[in-house]
Amino acid sequence: MNKITIDYKRSNEVGYDFIDEILKIDAAVYEKHLQGTKNSLTARFNANRESYILAFDGEKIIGYICFFPISGELSRKMQEENKALDDDIEVSDILPEYPKDIDADVFVISIAISPDYQHKDIGKQLIKDLFRFLFNKNHAGCKIRNILLGRVTSIGTLRFRKFKIDDYKMSKENNHENKEHEA
C-alpha cells in the first residue's frame, strides 16, 4: 500500500468523478436503503463545494467524510423531530458557504472507509481533518455553533464519542445498524 494522504478536495481539484467513487464505497459499507444516489450526492456537492474530505491511497479514493453547514430550520427539525435525514435533505437547507453573520450548525451526514482500508485510523484522521477545517473556518470569522451527526453503526458512534461528539437524538427506528465499517 502506498502512503495514504488525506486532503481537502473541491470540484476544481477533483471534478465530479469522485462522486462515482463515493457511491462505490457506500455500496461496500452501507445497506442499500442507507446509500445516497448520484443525484443527491451531486446536488449536495453543488450546494456546498467544501462538503467532502477525501482519503486517497495514491490516486484511489479509499474513504471520505461528508459534512456541510445547514439552515437553522433543518437543524431544529433534526433535533426536535428526532428524525434521521439523508436523501430527504433539501438542497435549500445546505448553506452554500460557512456564514459569518449567523451561528450555523454543521451536519456530518456520512463517513465511510473502503473495506480493504478499515482499521488503519483513516476514519480518525478524517475526523481530525474535519476539526482542523472547521477550526480554520472559525478562525476566519465563520460562526459554527454545533456539529450534528446521525449514526448508523456502533463503530461510527464510538469513533465520534472519542472526539467528544455525541449524535443528535434519534428514535430507535432511525438508529440503523448495518454492515460494520470504520468511521
N, C-alpha and C. Protein backbone atom coordinates (compact mmCIF):
# COMPACT_ATOMS: atom_id res chain seq x y z
N MET A 1 0.85 -1.17 0.00
CA MET A 1 0.00 0.00 0.00
C MET A 1 0.90 1.23 0.00
N ASN A 2 0.57 2.20 -0.85
CA ASN A 2 1.29 3.46 -0.89
C ASN A 2 0.95 4.28 0.33
N LYS A 3 1.70 5.35 0.53
CA LYS A 3 1.40 6.26 1.63
C LYS A 3 0.00 6.84 1.43
N ILE A 4 -0.79 6.83 2.48
CA ILE A 4 -2.14 7.36 2.43
C ILE A 4 -2.08 8.84 2.77
N THR A 5 -2.68 9.65 1.91
CA THR A 5 -2.72 11.08 2.18
C THR A 5 -4.16 11.53 2.28
N ILE A 6 -4.41 12.41 3.20
CA ILE A 6 -5.74 12.97 3.38
C ILE A 6 -5.66 14.42 2.93
N ASP A 7 -6.65 14.84 2.15
CA ASP A 7 -6.61 16.21 1.63
C ASP A 7 -8.03 16.73 1.46
N TYR A 8 -8.18 18.03 1.54
CA TYR A 8 -9.46 18.66 1.25
C TYR A 8 -9.56 18.79 -0.26
N LYS A 9 -10.66 18.38 -0.81
CA LYS A 9 -10.84 18.46 -2.25
C LYS A 9 -12.11 19.23 -2.58
N ARG A 10 -12.01 20.09 -3.56
CA ARG A 10 -13.18 20.81 -4.09
C ARG A 10 -13.31 20.44 -5.55
N SER A 11 -14.42 20.84 -6.14
CA SER A 11 -14.70 20.41 -7.53
C SER A 11 -13.60 20.81 -8.50
N ASN A 12 -12.99 21.95 -8.31
CA ASN A 12 -11.93 22.35 -9.24
C ASN A 12 -10.65 21.55 -9.04
N GLU A 13 -10.58 20.77 -7.95
CA GLU A 13 -9.41 19.94 -7.71
C GLU A 13 -9.62 18.49 -8.17
N VAL A 14 -10.86 17.99 -8.06
CA VAL A 14 -11.10 16.59 -8.40
C VAL A 14 -12.20 16.38 -9.42
N GLY A 15 -12.99 17.38 -9.69
CA GLY A 15 -14.10 17.20 -10.62
C GLY A 15 -15.18 16.32 -10.02
N TYR A 16 -16.17 16.01 -10.80
CA TYR A 16 -17.31 15.23 -10.31
C TYR A 16 -17.07 13.73 -10.32
N ASP A 17 -15.96 13.27 -10.88
CA ASP A 17 -15.70 11.83 -10.93
C ASP A 17 -15.63 11.21 -9.54
N PHE A 18 -15.25 11.99 -8.53
CA PHE A 18 -15.14 11.43 -7.19
C PHE A 18 -16.49 10.92 -6.68
N ILE A 19 -17.58 11.47 -7.16
CA ILE A 19 -18.90 11.05 -6.70
C ILE A 19 -19.15 9.58 -7.04
N ASP A 20 -18.71 9.14 -8.22
CA ASP A 20 -18.85 7.72 -8.57
C ASP A 20 -18.05 6.84 -7.60
N GLU A 21 -16.89 7.32 -7.19
CA GLU A 21 -16.07 6.55 -6.23
C GLU A 21 -16.74 6.50 -4.86
N ILE A 22 -17.37 7.60 -4.46
CA ILE A 22 -18.11 7.63 -3.19
C ILE A 22 -19.25 6.60 -3.23
N LEU A 23 -19.95 6.54 -4.35
CA LEU A 23 -21.05 5.59 -4.49
C LEU A 23 -20.55 4.14 -4.36
N LYS A 24 -19.37 3.86 -4.89
CA LYS A 24 -18.80 2.52 -4.78
C LYS A 24 -18.46 2.19 -3.32
N ILE A 25 -17.88 3.15 -2.62
CA ILE A 25 -17.57 2.93 -1.20
C ILE A 25 -18.86 2.72 -0.42
N ASP A 26 -19.86 3.57 -0.67
CA ASP A 26 -21.14 3.43 0.02
C ASP A 26 -21.74 2.05 -0.21
N ALA A 27 -21.68 1.55 -1.43
CA ALA A 27 -22.24 0.24 -1.76
C ALA A 27 -21.51 -0.87 -0.99
N ALA A 28 -20.23 -0.65 -0.71
CA ALA A 28 -19.45 -1.67 0.00
C ALA A 28 -19.68 -1.65 1.51
N VAL A 29 -20.14 -0.52 2.06
CA VAL A 29 -20.24 -0.43 3.52
C VAL A 29 -21.64 -0.17 4.06
N TYR A 30 -22.54 0.34 3.25
CA TYR A 30 -23.88 0.66 3.73
C TYR A 30 -24.92 -0.25 3.07
N GLU A 31 -25.97 -0.54 3.81
CA GLU A 31 -27.11 -1.23 3.23
C GLU A 31 -27.73 -0.32 2.17
N LYS A 32 -28.41 -0.92 1.21
CA LYS A 32 -28.97 -0.18 0.07
C LYS A 32 -29.80 1.03 0.50
N HIS A 33 -30.67 0.86 1.50
CA HIS A 33 -31.55 1.96 1.90
C HIS A 33 -30.80 3.11 2.58
N LEU A 34 -29.53 2.92 2.92
CA LEU A 34 -28.72 3.98 3.54
C LEU A 34 -27.78 4.66 2.56
N GLN A 35 -27.76 4.19 1.32
CA GLN A 35 -26.86 4.75 0.32
C GLN A 35 -27.52 5.95 -0.36
N GLY A 36 -26.70 6.98 -0.59
CA GLY A 36 -27.19 8.12 -1.36
C GLY A 36 -27.25 7.77 -2.84
N THR A 37 -27.87 8.63 -3.60
CA THR A 37 -27.91 8.45 -5.05
C THR A 37 -26.93 9.43 -5.70
N LYS A 38 -26.61 9.16 -6.94
CA LYS A 38 -25.72 10.08 -7.65
C LYS A 38 -26.33 11.49 -7.70
N ASN A 39 -27.64 11.56 -7.92
CA ASN A 39 -28.30 12.86 -7.97
C ASN A 39 -28.21 13.59 -6.64
N SER A 40 -28.45 12.89 -5.53
CA SER A 40 -28.43 13.56 -4.22
C SER A 40 -27.02 13.97 -3.84
N LEU A 41 -26.02 13.13 -4.10
CA LEU A 41 -24.65 13.50 -3.79
C LEU A 41 -24.17 14.67 -4.64
N THR A 42 -24.53 14.65 -5.91
CA THR A 42 -24.15 15.76 -6.80
C THR A 42 -24.83 17.05 -6.37
N ALA A 43 -26.11 16.97 -6.01
CA ALA A 43 -26.84 18.17 -5.57
C ALA A 43 -26.22 18.75 -4.30
N ARG A 44 -25.86 17.89 -3.34
CA ARG A 44 -25.21 18.38 -2.11
C ARG A 44 -23.88 19.04 -2.42
N PHE A 45 -23.11 18.39 -3.28
CA PHE A 45 -21.80 18.94 -3.62
C PHE A 45 -21.95 20.28 -4.34
N ASN A 46 -22.94 20.38 -5.21
CA ASN A 46 -23.19 21.66 -5.88
C ASN A 46 -23.64 22.73 -4.89
N ALA A 47 -24.36 22.32 -3.85
CA ALA A 47 -24.85 23.28 -2.86
C ALA A 47 -23.72 23.83 -1.99
N ASN A 48 -22.73 23.00 -1.69
CA ASN A 48 -21.57 23.44 -0.90
C ASN A 48 -20.35 22.67 -1.37
N ARG A 49 -19.46 23.35 -2.06
CA ARG A 49 -18.29 22.70 -2.67
C ARG A 49 -17.24 22.24 -1.67
N GLU A 50 -17.40 22.61 -0.40
CA GLU A 50 -16.46 22.19 0.63
C GLU A 50 -17.04 21.09 1.51
N SER A 51 -17.86 20.25 0.92
CA SER A 51 -18.61 19.28 1.71
C SER A 51 -17.93 17.92 1.88
N TYR A 52 -16.80 17.69 1.28
CA TYR A 52 -16.12 16.40 1.40
C TYR A 52 -14.66 16.58 1.76
N ILE A 53 -14.18 15.70 2.60
CA ILE A 53 -12.75 15.45 2.77
C ILE A 53 -12.56 14.03 2.29
N LEU A 54 -11.64 13.85 1.38
CA LEU A 54 -11.42 12.55 0.74
C LEU A 54 -10.08 11.98 1.18
N ALA A 55 -10.04 10.68 1.43
CA ALA A 55 -8.80 9.97 1.74
C ALA A 55 -8.35 9.23 0.49
N PHE A 56 -7.10 9.40 0.15
CA PHE A 56 -6.54 8.77 -1.04
C PHE A 56 -5.41 7.82 -0.68
N ASP A 57 -5.29 6.74 -1.43
CA ASP A 57 -4.10 5.91 -1.47
C ASP A 57 -3.61 6.04 -2.90
N GLY A 58 -2.60 6.85 -3.11
CA GLY A 58 -2.18 7.19 -4.46
C GLY A 58 -3.29 7.98 -5.14
N GLU A 59 -3.79 7.47 -6.25
CA GLU A 59 -4.88 8.12 -6.99
C GLU A 59 -6.26 7.59 -6.60
N LYS A 60 -6.28 6.55 -5.78
CA LYS A 60 -7.53 5.87 -5.44
C LYS A 60 -8.18 6.49 -4.20
N ILE A 61 -9.47 6.82 -4.30
CA ILE A 61 -10.23 7.28 -3.14
C ILE A 61 -10.58 6.07 -2.30
N ILE A 62 -10.20 6.12 -1.02
CA ILE A 62 -10.41 4.96 -0.14
C ILE A 62 -11.35 5.27 1.02
N GLY A 63 -11.74 6.53 1.16
CA GLY A 63 -12.65 6.89 2.22
C GLY A 63 -13.01 8.36 2.14
N TYR A 64 -13.99 8.74 2.92
CA TYR A 64 -14.45 10.13 2.89
C TYR A 64 -15.24 10.46 4.14
N ILE A 65 -15.38 11.74 4.37
CA ILE A 65 -16.34 12.27 5.33
C ILE A 65 -17.10 13.37 4.60
N CYS A 66 -18.41 13.36 4.73
CA CYS A 66 -19.26 14.36 4.08
C CYS A 66 -19.96 15.18 5.15
N PHE A 67 -19.88 16.49 5.03
CA PHE A 67 -20.43 17.41 6.02
C PHE A 67 -20.75 18.73 5.35
N PHE A 68 -21.63 19.50 5.95
CA PHE A 68 -21.96 20.81 5.38
C PHE A 68 -22.71 21.63 6.41
N PRO A 69 -22.63 22.96 6.29
CA PRO A 69 -23.42 23.82 7.17
C PRO A 69 -24.88 23.75 6.75
N ILE A 70 -25.77 23.77 7.74
CA ILE A 70 -27.20 23.62 7.45
C ILE A 70 -27.99 24.81 7.99
N SER A 71 -29.16 24.96 7.43
CA SER A 71 -30.06 26.04 7.86
C SER A 71 -30.53 25.79 9.28
N GLY A 72 -30.90 26.87 9.95
CA GLY A 72 -31.46 26.75 11.29
C GLY A 72 -32.71 25.90 11.31
N GLU A 73 -33.51 26.02 10.27
CA GLU A 73 -34.75 25.24 10.18
C GLU A 73 -34.46 23.75 10.15
N LEU A 74 -33.48 23.33 9.34
CA LEU A 74 -33.15 21.91 9.27
C LEU A 74 -32.56 21.44 10.60
N SER A 75 -31.72 22.24 11.22
CA SER A 75 -31.14 21.88 12.50
C SER A 75 -32.23 21.65 13.54
N ARG A 76 -33.18 22.56 13.62
CA ARG A 76 -34.30 22.41 14.56
C ARG A 76 -35.10 21.14 14.25
N LYS A 77 -35.36 20.91 12.97
CA LYS A 77 -36.15 19.74 12.56
C LYS A 77 -35.45 18.44 13.00
N MET A 78 -34.16 18.38 12.77
CA MET A 78 -33.40 17.18 13.13
C MET A 78 -33.44 16.93 14.63
N GLN A 79 -33.30 17.97 15.39
CA GLN A 79 -33.23 17.82 16.83
C GLN A 79 -34.61 17.66 17.48
N GLU A 80 -35.61 18.39 17.00
CA GLU A 80 -36.93 18.35 17.61
C GLU A 80 -37.78 17.17 17.14
N GLU A 81 -37.67 16.83 15.87
CA GLU A 81 -38.50 15.74 15.34
C GLU A 81 -37.87 14.39 15.52
N ASN A 82 -36.61 14.37 16.05
CA ASN A 82 -35.98 13.10 16.33
C ASN A 82 -35.90 12.23 15.08
N LYS A 83 -35.50 12.82 13.97
CA LYS A 83 -35.56 12.12 12.69
C LYS A 83 -34.20 12.14 11.99
N ALA A 84 -33.78 10.98 11.53
CA ALA A 84 -32.58 10.89 10.73
C ALA A 84 -32.89 11.32 9.31
N LEU A 85 -32.02 12.10 8.74
CA LEU A 85 -32.23 12.60 7.38
C LEU A 85 -31.05 12.20 6.51
N ASP A 86 -31.35 11.99 5.24
CA ASP A 86 -30.30 11.69 4.28
C ASP A 86 -30.73 12.22 2.93
N ASP A 87 -31.27 11.36 2.08
CA ASP A 87 -31.69 11.81 0.75
C ASP A 87 -32.88 12.74 0.79
N ASP A 88 -33.52 12.88 1.95
CA ASP A 88 -34.64 13.79 2.06
C ASP A 88 -34.22 15.20 2.49
N ILE A 89 -32.94 15.46 2.56
CA ILE A 89 -32.45 16.81 2.86
C ILE A 89 -32.63 17.66 1.60
N GLU A 90 -33.28 18.78 1.77
CA GLU A 90 -33.48 19.71 0.65
C GLU A 90 -32.19 20.48 0.41
N VAL A 91 -31.84 20.66 -0.84
CA VAL A 91 -30.63 21.42 -1.19
C VAL A 91 -30.69 22.82 -0.59
N SER A 92 -31.89 23.38 -0.49
CA SER A 92 -32.03 24.73 0.07
C SER A 92 -31.67 24.77 1.56
N ASP A 93 -31.60 23.62 2.23
CA ASP A 93 -31.20 23.58 3.64
C ASP A 93 -29.70 23.47 3.83
N ILE A 94 -28.96 23.32 2.74
CA ILE A 94 -27.50 23.28 2.80
C ILE A 94 -27.00 24.69 2.48
N LEU A 95 -26.26 25.26 3.41
CA LEU A 95 -25.76 26.61 3.19
C LEU A 95 -24.60 26.57 2.20
N PRO A 96 -24.58 27.47 1.23
CA PRO A 96 -23.52 27.44 0.22
C PRO A 96 -22.15 27.82 0.75
N GLU A 97 -22.13 28.55 1.86
CA GLU A 97 -20.87 28.96 2.49
C GLU A 97 -21.05 28.90 3.99
N TYR A 98 -19.94 28.90 4.69
CA TYR A 98 -19.99 28.95 6.15
C TYR A 98 -20.23 30.41 6.53
N PRO A 99 -21.35 30.69 7.24
CA PRO A 99 -21.74 32.08 7.48
C PRO A 99 -20.86 32.79 8.51
N LYS A 100 -20.73 34.08 8.31
CA LYS A 100 -20.03 34.94 9.27
C LYS A 100 -21.01 35.80 10.04
N ASP A 101 -22.26 35.84 9.59
CA ASP A 101 -23.24 36.74 10.21
C ASP A 101 -24.21 36.03 11.14
N ILE A 102 -24.32 34.72 11.06
CA ILE A 102 -25.22 33.96 11.93
C ILE A 102 -24.51 32.70 12.40
N ASP A 103 -24.94 32.17 13.54
CA ASP A 103 -24.42 30.89 14.00
C ASP A 103 -25.04 29.79 13.16
N ALA A 104 -24.22 28.85 12.75
CA ALA A 104 -24.72 27.74 11.94
C ALA A 104 -24.26 26.42 12.54
N ASP A 105 -25.06 25.40 12.33
CA ASP A 105 -24.68 24.05 12.71
C ASP A 105 -24.13 23.34 11.48
N VAL A 106 -23.21 22.44 11.72
CA VAL A 106 -22.63 21.62 10.66
C VAL A 106 -23.16 20.20 10.85
N PHE A 107 -23.66 19.62 9.77
CA PHE A 107 -24.18 18.26 9.81
C PHE A 107 -23.18 17.33 9.14
N VAL A 108 -22.71 16.34 9.89
CA VAL A 108 -21.86 15.28 9.34
C VAL A 108 -22.82 14.18 8.91
N ILE A 109 -23.00 14.05 7.61
CA ILE A 109 -24.00 13.11 7.09
C ILE A 109 -23.45 11.71 6.92
N SER A 110 -22.15 11.60 6.60
CA SER A 110 -21.60 10.26 6.44
C SER A 110 -20.08 10.27 6.50
N ILE A 111 -19.58 9.13 6.92
CA ILE A 111 -18.15 8.84 6.88
C ILE A 111 -18.05 7.36 6.54
N ALA A 112 -17.22 7.05 5.59
CA ALA A 112 -17.08 5.65 5.17
C ALA A 112 -15.67 5.39 4.67
N ILE A 113 -15.19 4.20 4.97
CA ILE A 113 -13.86 3.76 4.56
C ILE A 113 -14.01 2.46 3.78
N SER A 114 -13.34 2.38 2.65
CA SER A 114 -13.34 1.16 1.85
C SER A 114 -12.94 -0.04 2.72
N PRO A 115 -13.62 -1.18 2.58
CA PRO A 115 -13.33 -2.33 3.44
C PRO A 115 -11.86 -2.73 3.52
N ASP A 116 -11.13 -2.65 2.43
CA ASP A 116 -9.71 -3.03 2.43
C ASP A 116 -8.84 -2.08 3.26
N TYR A 117 -9.37 -0.94 3.64
CA TYR A 117 -8.59 0.08 4.34
C TYR A 117 -9.11 0.36 5.75
N GLN A 118 -10.06 -0.43 6.21
CA GLN A 118 -10.61 -0.21 7.54
C GLN A 118 -9.61 -0.61 8.61
N HIS A 119 -9.78 -0.03 9.79
CA HIS A 119 -8.96 -0.31 10.97
C HIS A 119 -7.51 0.13 10.78
N LYS A 120 -7.31 1.19 10.03
CA LYS A 120 -5.99 1.77 9.81
C LYS A 120 -5.96 3.25 10.25
N ASP A 121 -6.93 3.64 11.07
CA ASP A 121 -7.05 5.00 11.59
C ASP A 121 -7.33 6.06 10.53
N ILE A 122 -7.84 5.64 9.39
CA ILE A 122 -8.19 6.60 8.33
C ILE A 122 -9.41 7.42 8.77
N GLY A 123 -10.39 6.76 9.36
CA GLY A 123 -11.56 7.48 9.87
C GLY A 123 -11.16 8.49 10.92
N LYS A 124 -10.29 8.10 11.80
CA LYS A 124 -9.79 9.01 12.85
C LYS A 124 -9.12 10.23 12.22
N GLN A 125 -8.32 10.01 11.19
CA GLN A 125 -7.64 11.12 10.52
C GLN A 125 -8.64 12.03 9.80
N LEU A 126 -9.65 11.43 9.19
CA LEU A 126 -10.68 12.24 8.52
C LEU A 126 -11.39 13.15 9.53
N ILE A 127 -11.69 12.61 10.71
CA ILE A 127 -12.35 13.41 11.73
C ILE A 127 -11.42 14.52 12.21
N LYS A 128 -10.15 14.22 12.40
CA LYS A 128 -9.19 15.26 12.78
C LYS A 128 -9.13 16.35 11.71
N ASP A 129 -9.13 15.94 10.46
CA ASP A 129 -9.09 16.93 9.37
C ASP A 129 -10.37 17.75 9.33
N LEU A 130 -11.50 17.13 9.66
CA LEU A 130 -12.75 17.88 9.76
C LEU A 130 -12.62 18.95 10.83
N PHE A 131 -12.13 18.58 12.01
CA PHE A 131 -11.95 19.56 13.08
C PHE A 131 -11.00 20.68 12.67
N ARG A 132 -9.93 20.32 12.00
CA ARG A 132 -8.96 21.33 11.53
C ARG A 132 -9.64 22.28 10.55
N PHE A 133 -10.40 21.73 9.63
CA PHE A 133 -11.12 22.53 8.65
C PHE A 133 -12.09 23.50 9.35
N LEU A 134 -12.88 22.98 10.28
CA LEU A 134 -13.86 23.82 10.99
C LEU A 134 -13.17 24.84 11.89
N PHE A 135 -12.06 24.46 12.51
CA PHE A 135 -11.29 25.42 13.31
C PHE A 135 -10.82 26.57 12.43
N ASN A 136 -10.32 26.24 11.25
CA ASN A 136 -9.85 27.29 10.32
C ASN A 136 -11.00 28.18 9.88
N LYS A 137 -12.17 27.59 9.68
CA LYS A 137 -13.35 28.39 9.33
C LYS A 137 -13.70 29.34 10.47
N ASN A 138 -13.70 28.82 11.70
CA ASN A 138 -13.98 29.68 12.87
C ASN A 138 -12.94 30.78 12.98
N HIS A 139 -11.68 30.42 12.79
CA HIS A 139 -10.60 31.41 12.87
C HIS A 139 -10.77 32.50 11.82
N ALA A 140 -11.35 32.14 10.68
CA ALA A 140 -11.59 33.11 9.60
C ALA A 140 -12.86 33.93 9.84
N GLY A 141 -13.52 33.71 10.97
CA GLY A 141 -14.69 34.51 11.31
C GLY A 141 -16.03 33.85 11.07
N CYS A 142 -16.04 32.61 10.61
CA CYS A 142 -17.30 31.90 10.43
C CYS A 142 -17.82 31.46 11.79
N LYS A 143 -19.12 31.43 11.92
CA LYS A 143 -19.74 31.12 13.20
C LYS A 143 -20.34 29.72 13.17
N ILE A 144 -19.63 28.77 13.74
CA ILE A 144 -20.10 27.38 13.80
C ILE A 144 -20.51 27.10 15.24
N ARG A 145 -21.77 26.79 15.42
CA ARG A 145 -22.32 26.59 16.77
C ARG A 145 -22.18 25.14 17.21
N ASN A 146 -22.65 24.20 16.42
CA ASN A 146 -22.68 22.79 16.79
C ASN A 146 -22.29 21.92 15.61
N ILE A 147 -21.83 20.73 15.95
CA ILE A 147 -21.63 19.67 14.96
C ILE A 147 -22.68 18.61 15.26
N LEU A 148 -23.53 18.34 14.29
CA LEU A 148 -24.58 17.33 14.44
C LEU A 148 -24.24 16.14 13.57
N LEU A 149 -24.60 14.96 14.02
CA LEU A 149 -24.42 13.80 13.17
C LEU A 149 -25.46 12.76 13.48
N GLY A 150 -25.76 12.01 12.47
CA GLY A 150 -26.61 10.84 12.63
C GLY A 150 -25.70 9.64 12.52
N ARG A 151 -25.97 8.64 13.32
CA ARG A 151 -25.10 7.47 13.27
C ARG A 151 -25.87 6.29 12.73
N VAL A 152 -25.18 5.44 12.02
CA VAL A 152 -25.82 4.23 11.52
C VAL A 152 -25.11 2.96 11.96
N THR A 153 -23.94 3.11 12.60
CA THR A 153 -23.25 1.93 13.12
C THR A 153 -22.71 2.23 14.51
N SER A 154 -22.52 1.19 15.28
CA SER A 154 -21.94 1.36 16.62
C SER A 154 -20.50 1.83 16.52
N ILE A 155 -19.77 1.40 15.51
CA ILE A 155 -18.39 1.84 15.33
C ILE A 155 -18.34 3.33 15.07
N GLY A 156 -19.23 3.83 14.23
CA GLY A 156 -19.28 5.26 13.97
C GLY A 156 -19.58 6.06 15.22
N THR A 157 -20.48 5.56 16.03
CA THR A 157 -20.83 6.23 17.28
C THR A 157 -19.61 6.30 18.19
N LEU A 158 -18.93 5.18 18.36
CA LEU A 158 -17.75 5.16 19.23
C LEU A 158 -16.65 6.09 18.72
N ARG A 159 -16.45 6.10 17.41
CA ARG A 159 -15.40 6.94 16.84
C ARG A 159 -15.64 8.40 17.17
N PHE A 160 -16.86 8.88 16.99
CA PHE A 160 -17.16 10.28 17.27
C PHE A 160 -17.17 10.57 18.76
N ARG A 161 -17.60 9.63 19.57
CA ARG A 161 -17.61 9.87 21.02
C ARG A 161 -16.19 10.01 21.55
N LYS A 162 -15.22 9.35 20.93
CA LYS A 162 -13.82 9.53 21.33
C LYS A 162 -13.41 10.98 21.15
N PHE A 163 -14.03 11.65 20.21
CA PHE A 163 -13.74 13.06 19.97
C PHE A 163 -14.71 13.98 20.69
N LYS A 164 -15.50 13.39 21.60
CA LYS A 164 -16.46 14.15 22.42
C LYS A 164 -17.60 14.75 21.59
N ILE A 165 -17.99 14.08 20.51
CA ILE A 165 -19.16 14.49 19.73
C ILE A 165 -20.21 13.41 19.93
N ASP A 166 -21.38 13.80 20.34
CA ASP A 166 -22.48 12.86 20.50
C ASP A 166 -23.47 13.10 19.37
N ASP A 167 -24.15 12.08 18.96
CA ASP A 167 -25.10 12.24 17.87
C ASP A 167 -26.36 12.94 18.37
N TYR A 168 -27.05 13.60 17.44
CA TYR A 168 -28.30 14.21 17.81
C TYR A 168 -29.30 13.12 18.13
N LYS A 169 -30.33 13.48 18.84
CA LYS A 169 -31.31 12.48 19.26
C LYS A 169 -31.90 11.77 18.05
N MET A 170 -32.00 10.48 18.16
CA MET A 170 -32.60 9.70 17.08
C MET A 170 -33.52 8.67 17.70
N SER A 171 -34.64 8.47 17.06
CA SER A 171 -35.56 7.44 17.54
C SER A 171 -35.01 6.08 17.13
N LYS A 172 -35.48 5.04 17.79
CA LYS A 172 -34.95 3.71 17.53
C LYS A 172 -35.12 3.29 16.08
N GLU A 173 -36.21 3.68 15.44
CA GLU A 173 -36.41 3.26 14.05
C GLU A 173 -35.43 3.95 13.10
N ASN A 174 -34.82 5.05 13.54
CA ASN A 174 -33.85 5.75 12.70
C ASN A 174 -32.41 5.41 13.08
N ASN A 175 -32.21 4.64 14.12
CA ASN A 175 -30.88 4.27 14.56
C ASN A 175 -30.53 2.93 13.94
N HIS A 176 -30.14 2.97 12.69
CA HIS A 176 -29.88 1.77 11.91
C HIS A 176 -28.55 1.13 12.31
N GLU A 177 -28.52 -0.16 12.30
CA GLU A 177 -27.26 -0.90 12.38
C GLU A 177 -27.10 -1.60 11.04
N ASN A 178 -25.94 -1.46 10.45
CA ASN A 178 -25.71 -2.11 9.16
C ASN A 178 -24.36 -2.79 9.16
N LYS A 179 -23.86 -3.09 7.97
CA LYS A 179 -22.55 -3.69 7.85
C LYS A 179 -21.58 -2.85 8.66
N GLU A 180 -20.75 -3.47 9.46
CA GLU A 180 -19.79 -2.71 10.27
C GLU A 180 -18.75 -2.09 9.34
N HIS A 181 -18.43 -0.85 9.61
CA HIS A 181 -17.38 -0.18 8.87
C HIS A 181 -16.72 0.83 9.78
N GLU A 182 -15.45 1.08 9.51
CA GLU A 182 -14.74 2.05 10.33
C GLU A 182 -15.29 3.43 10.04
N ALA A 183 -15.45 4.20 11.08
CA ALA A 183 -15.89 5.58 10.90
C ALA A 183 -14.98 6.54 11.57
